[in-house]
Amino acid sequence: MPGVRGAVRTWFDPPAPVGVEIHDPVHRRLVVTEVLVVLTVTLGLSALRSGLSLLDALLQPVPLNQQQVALNAPAAQADLVDLALQLTRVLQLVGWGALGAYLLIRAGFALRAVGLDGRRPGRDALGAVGLAALIGITGLGVYLVAQALGVSVTIAPSTLDDTWWRLPVLIASAAANAWAEELVMVGYLLTRLRQLGWSENRALGAQALLRGSYHLYQGLGGFTGNIAMGLVFGRLWQRTNRLWMLVGAHTLIDVVAFLGYAALHGRVGWLP
């Protein structure tokens, strides 16, 4: 079946680089410094915290799968103060993504160059739904297997009280997570690594490993599942240059996880 083999090779082989590689040593050092600063104040620092969190969990006498991590937890006892803190976290994530977008613009890239435009809203939306279904179902399976094997903590996507603002805050949190991660990890980081002369495969692997690392607090399931997600999302962007599709897919995955858990927890036996 030469057609099938050819399609497989086309998908897994690195695409032809697009963009201008930076050769000036001074400019290269500035870009390297910029990347390190961005990662330090955003998701790179989250990876360090996540690794330390997993280490602490492994040192506890309680088995890993009997420990729980809440992704959206109350931050204050007073209802309105809690709401303000939840929205502050959302704003921080929006700021992280905006920082990546701003630095790309300062570097001379129009946002449409990384796929942030409205030229294909229908195709982007359809692709987001299909991608969310593929990654979401696979990710849930990986989590349940890892949790059953004892190598993953029990993840509670939301432990927020049933308040009037819980639903919009969870949706806003899902969208902000997606915006921050896909802008910084894919749109910004892969573009900058491309300018620094990294091969597409090397940049893809580094991005996926970092994505998995800041989910280490979830255990082996979250780590491996997010590496796989990073590989798929990164390669899809390298091939299609459509970032809105990734942001949309990531938002849908998180919305279903956050709201689904709130609706099903305690009502179905298969959900830890």
Protein backbone atom coordinates (compact mmCIF):
# COMPACT_ATOMS: atom_id res chain seq x y z
CA MET A 1 0.00 0.00 0.00
CA PRO A 2 2.39 2.71 -1.18
CA GLY A 3 -0.20 5.45 -0.77
CA VAL A 4 -0.62 4.72 2.94
CA ARG A 5 3.12 4.44 3.56
CA GLY A 6 3.64 7.72 1.75
CA ALA A 7 1.01 9.43 3.89
CA VAL A 8 2.63 8.11 7.07
CA ARG A 9 6.03 9.35 5.99
CA THR A 10 4.55 12.74 5.10
CA TRP A 11 3.06 13.10 8.59
CA PHE A 12 6.05 11.98 10.63
CA ASP A 13 8.82 13.51 8.54
CA PRO A 14 9.68 17.06 9.63
CA PRO A 15 8.08 19.78 7.49
CA ALA A 16 10.11 22.33 5.62
CA PRO A 17 11.02 25.24 7.94
CA VAL A 18 9.24 28.52 7.37
CA GLY A 19 10.75 31.78 8.57
CA VAL A 20 14.09 33.49 8.73
CA GLU A 21 16.87 31.90 10.77
CA ILE A 22 18.88 34.33 12.87
CA HIS A 23 22.63 34.23 12.24
CA ASP A 24 23.87 37.39 13.96
CA PRO A 25 25.51 36.25 17.26
CA VAL A 26 24.30 39.24 19.26
CA HIS A 27 20.73 38.84 18.02
CA ARG A 28 20.84 35.10 18.73
CA ARG A 29 21.99 35.69 22.32
CA LEU A 30 19.15 38.16 22.84
CA VAL A 31 16.59 35.66 21.54
CA VAL A 32 17.99 32.86 23.72
CA THR A 33 17.82 35.18 26.72
CA GLU A 34 14.27 36.17 25.83
CA VAL A 35 13.15 32.53 25.57
CA LEU A 36 14.72 31.68 28.93
CA VAL A 37 13.09 34.70 30.60
CA VAL A 38 9.66 33.87 29.13
CA LEU A 39 9.88 30.25 30.26
CA THR A 40 11.18 31.27 33.68
CA VAL A 41 8.22 33.52 34.41
CA THR A 42 5.60 31.24 32.79
CA LEU A 43 5.45 27.52 32.13
CA GLY A 44 9.11 26.68 32.71
CA LEU A 45 8.78 27.73 36.33
CA SER A 46 5.56 25.72 36.50
CA ALA A 47 7.56 22.67 35.37
CA LEU A 48 10.01 23.13 38.25
CA ARG A 49 7.18 23.49 40.76
CA SER A 50 5.43 20.48 39.27
CA GLY A 51 8.52 18.28 39.56
CA LEU A 52 9.00 19.28 43.20
CA SER A 53 5.32 18.60 43.87
CA LEU A 54 5.65 15.08 42.46
CA LEU A 55 8.80 14.47 44.52
CA ASP A 56 6.94 15.53 47.66
CA ALA A 57 4.03 13.23 46.78
CA LEU A 58 6.37 10.27 46.25
CA LEU A 59 7.96 10.85 49.66
CA GLN A 60 4.60 10.59 51.42
CA PRO A 61 3.60 7.32 53.14
CA VAL A 62 0.27 7.38 51.26
CA PRO A 63 0.32 5.65 47.83
CA LEU A 64 0.35 8.04 44.89
CA ASN A 65 -3.06 6.99 43.56
CA GLN A 66 -4.62 7.70 46.97
CA GLN A 67 -3.47 11.31 46.91
CA GLN A 68 -5.63 13.96 45.27
CA VAL A 69 -4.76 17.07 43.29
CA ALA A 70 -7.40 19.69 42.54
CA LEU A 71 -6.99 21.71 39.34
CA ASN A 72 -9.57 24.34 40.29
CA ALA A 73 -9.79 24.65 44.06
CA PRO A 74 -11.22 27.30 46.41
CA ALA A 75 -8.66 30.01 47.14
CA ALA A 76 -10.48 31.85 49.94
CA GLN A 77 -13.28 31.28 52.41
CA ALA A 78 -15.24 34.42 51.53
CA ASP A 79 -17.27 33.77 48.38
CA LEU A 80 -16.56 37.03 46.55
CA VAL A 81 -12.89 36.99 47.53
CA ASP A 82 -12.65 33.46 46.14
CA LEU A 83 -14.25 34.65 42.90
CA ALA A 84 -11.75 37.52 42.67
CA LEU A 85 -8.81 35.16 43.20
CA GLN A 86 -10.11 32.71 40.59
CA LEU A 87 -10.42 35.54 38.06
CA THR A 88 -6.94 36.77 39.01
CA ARG A 89 -5.55 33.35 38.07
CA VAL A 90 -7.43 33.51 34.76
CA LEU A 91 -5.98 36.97 34.12
CA GLN A 92 -2.46 35.68 34.83
CA LEU A 93 -2.85 32.94 32.22
CA VAL A 94 -4.25 35.42 29.69
CA GLY A 95 -1.21 37.59 30.38
CA TRP A 96 1.19 34.72 29.76
CA GLY A 97 -0.32 34.07 26.35
CA ALA A 98 -0.44 37.79 25.56
CA LEU A 99 3.27 38.05 26.42
CA GLY A 100 4.10 35.38 23.85
CA ALA A 101 1.94 37.07 21.22
CA TYR A 102 3.43 40.51 21.98
CA LEU A 103 7.02 39.27 21.71
CA LEU A 104 6.25 37.66 18.36
CA ILE A 105 4.83 40.96 17.11
CA ARG A 106 7.92 42.79 18.40
CA ALA A 107 10.05 40.27 16.51
CA GLY A 108 8.29 41.20 13.27
CA PHE A 109 5.71 38.41 13.05
CA ALA A 110 2.10 39.22 12.30
CA LEU A 111 -0.19 37.04 14.41
CA ARG A 112 -1.60 35.50 11.24
CA ALA A 113 1.90 34.10 10.64
CA VAL A 114 1.37 31.71 13.57
CA GLY A 115 -2.26 30.96 12.76
CA LEU A 116 -4.05 33.58 14.89
CA ASP A 117 -6.41 34.97 12.25
CA GLY A 118 -10.01 34.57 11.20
CA ARG A 119 -9.48 33.32 7.66
CA ARG A 120 -10.79 29.79 8.32
CA PRO A 121 -13.17 29.88 11.31
CA GLY A 122 -15.28 26.95 10.13
CA ARG A 123 -12.35 24.65 9.41
CA ASP A 124 -10.59 25.69 12.60
CA ALA A 125 -13.72 24.95 14.65
CA LEU A 126 -14.27 21.58 12.98
CA GLY A 127 -10.61 20.65 13.44
CA ALA A 128 -10.78 21.72 17.10
CA VAL A 129 -13.74 19.43 17.77
CA GLY A 130 -12.10 16.43 16.11
CA LEU A 131 -8.76 17.04 17.80
CA ALA A 132 -10.43 17.50 21.20
CA ALA A 133 -12.26 14.20 20.82
CA LEU A 134 -9.07 12.35 19.83
CA ILE A 135 -6.88 13.79 22.59
CA GLY A 136 -9.59 13.93 25.23
CA ILE A 137 -10.70 10.31 24.94
CA THR A 138 -7.13 9.03 24.68
CA GLY A 139 -6.01 11.18 27.60
CA LEU A 140 -8.84 9.94 29.81
CA GLY A 141 -7.86 6.36 29.03
CA VAL A 142 -4.21 7.02 29.86
CA TYR A 143 -5.20 8.66 33.14
CA LEU A 144 -7.50 5.82 34.22
CA VAL A 145 -4.87 3.18 33.42
CA ALA A 146 -2.10 5.13 35.20
CA GLN A 147 -4.35 5.69 38.21
CA ALA A 148 -5.23 2.00 38.38
CA LEU A 149 -1.51 1.10 38.21
CA GLY A 150 -0.79 3.48 41.08
CA VAL A 151 1.49 5.83 39.12
CA SER A 152 -0.89 8.78 38.99
CA VAL A 153 -2.53 10.89 41.64
CA THR A 154 -6.30 11.20 41.70
CA ILE A 155 -7.12 14.35 39.74
CA ALA A 156 -10.11 16.43 40.77
CA PRO A 157 -10.63 18.92 37.91
CA SER A 158 -12.75 21.07 40.20
CA THR A 159 -13.47 21.21 43.93
CA LEU A 160 -15.13 24.62 43.77
CA ASP A 161 -18.32 25.01 45.75
CA ASP A 162 -21.61 24.98 43.84
CA THR A 163 -21.83 28.77 43.63
CA TRP A 164 -23.52 30.97 41.04
CA TRP A 165 -20.17 31.77 39.43
CA ARG A 166 -18.66 28.26 39.28
CA LEU A 167 -19.74 27.48 35.70
CA PRO A 168 -18.46 30.70 34.03
CA VAL A 169 -15.23 30.59 36.05
CA LEU A 170 -14.52 27.00 35.00
CA ILE A 171 -15.15 27.88 31.36
CA ALA A 172 -12.93 30.97 31.65
CA SER A 173 -10.22 28.88 33.33
CA ALA A 174 -10.35 26.32 30.52
CA ALA A 175 -10.04 29.00 27.83
CA ALA A 176 -7.23 30.79 29.69
CA ASN A 177 -5.27 27.55 30.15
CA ALA A 178 -5.58 26.82 26.44
CA TRP A 179 -4.62 30.36 25.40
CA ALA A 180 -1.54 30.44 27.65
CA GLU A 181 -0.21 26.98 26.82
CA GLU A 182 -0.72 27.05 23.06
CA LEU A 183 0.53 30.62 22.64
CA VAL A 184 3.66 30.12 24.73
CA MET A 185 4.51 26.48 23.96
CA VAL A 186 3.54 26.31 20.29
CA GLY A 187 3.12 29.72 18.69
CA TYR A 188 5.95 31.45 20.55
CA LEU A 189 8.43 28.72 21.50
CA LEU A 190 8.41 26.74 18.25
CA THR A 191 8.73 29.95 16.23
CA ARG A 192 11.69 31.18 18.26
CA LEU A 193 13.45 27.79 18.22
CA ARG A 194 12.97 27.73 14.45
CA GLN A 195 14.69 31.12 14.24
CA LEU A 196 17.56 29.77 16.34
CA GLY A 197 18.14 27.00 13.80
CA TRP A 198 16.66 24.10 15.76
CA SER A 199 15.36 21.29 13.57
CA GLU A 200 11.60 20.87 13.52
CA ASN A 201 11.82 17.48 15.23
CA ARG A 202 14.21 18.70 17.94
CA ALA A 203 12.02 21.71 18.71
CA LEU A 204 8.92 19.52 18.72
CA GLY A 205 10.48 17.08 21.17
CA ALA A 206 11.68 19.84 23.51
CA GLN A 207 8.26 21.49 23.50
CA ALA A 208 6.47 18.20 24.21
CA LEU A 209 8.88 17.28 27.02
CA LEU A 210 8.41 20.67 28.66
CA ARG A 211 4.63 20.36 28.31
CA GLY A 212 4.75 17.00 30.04
CA SER A 213 7.07 18.35 32.75
CA TYR A 214 4.71 21.03 34.01
CA HIS A 215 2.08 18.31 34.44
CA LEU A 216 4.35 16.10 36.56
CA TYR A 217 2.32 16.97 39.66
CA GLN A 218 -0.34 14.66 38.18
CA GLY A 219 2.03 11.69 38.14
CA LEU A 220 3.18 9.49 35.27
CA GLY A 221 -0.19 9.56 33.53
CA GLY A 222 -0.27 13.35 33.26
CA PHE A 223 3.38 13.46 32.22
CA THR A 224 3.15 10.92 29.39
CA GLY A 225 -0.30 12.01 28.27
CA ASN A 226 0.77 15.63 27.90
CA ILE A 227 3.97 14.67 26.09
CA ALA A 228 1.78 12.87 23.55
CA MET A 229 -0.52 15.88 23.36
CA GLY A 230 2.47 18.16 22.80
CA LEU A 231 3.77 15.97 19.98
CA VAL A 232 0.40 15.91 18.22
CA PHE A 233 -0.39 19.60 18.74
CA GLY A 234 3.11 20.74 17.84
CA ARG A 235 3.35 18.68 14.67
CA LEU A 236 -0.14 19.72 13.61
CA TRP A 237 0.84 23.37 13.97
CA GLN A 238 4.08 22.79 12.07
CA ARG A 239 2.02 21.24 9.26
CA THR A 240 -1.03 23.52 9.18
CA ASN A 241 0.12 26.73 10.89
CA ARG A 242 -3.33 26.99 12.55
CA LEU A 243 -3.03 28.01 16.19
CA TRP A 244 -6.69 28.86 16.77
CA MET A 245 -7.53 25.21 16.11
CA LEU A 246 -5.20 24.13 18.92
CA VAL A 247 -6.52 26.77 21.32
CA GLY A 248 -10.08 25.68 20.53
CA ALA A 249 -9.32 21.98 20.97
CA HIS A 250 -7.51 22.56 24.26
CA THR A 251 -10.39 24.71 25.53
CA LEU A 252 -12.93 22.00 24.69
CA ILE A 253 -10.85 19.32 26.40
CA ASP A 254 -10.62 21.35 29.60
CA VAL A 255 -14.27 22.46 29.54
CA VAL A 256 -15.44 18.85 29.24
CA ALA A 257 -13.03 17.75 31.99
CA PHE A 258 -13.97 20.55 34.40
CA LEU A 259 -17.73 20.53 33.87
CA GLY A 260 -17.95 16.77 33.35
CA TYR A 261 -16.23 16.08 36.64
CA ALA A 262 -18.49 18.52 38.46
CA ALA A 263 -21.54 16.76 36.99
CA LEU A 264 -20.42 13.12 37.29
CA HIS A 265 -18.26 12.92 40.41
CA GLY A 266 -19.93 10.67 42.94
CA ARG A 267 -22.52 9.53 40.41
CA VAL A 268 -20.46 7.06 38.34
CA GLY A 269 -18.24 4.28 39.63
CA TRP A 270 -15.47 4.47 37.01
CA LEU A 271 -14.46 8.05 37.87
CA PRO A 272 -11.95 8.11 40.79
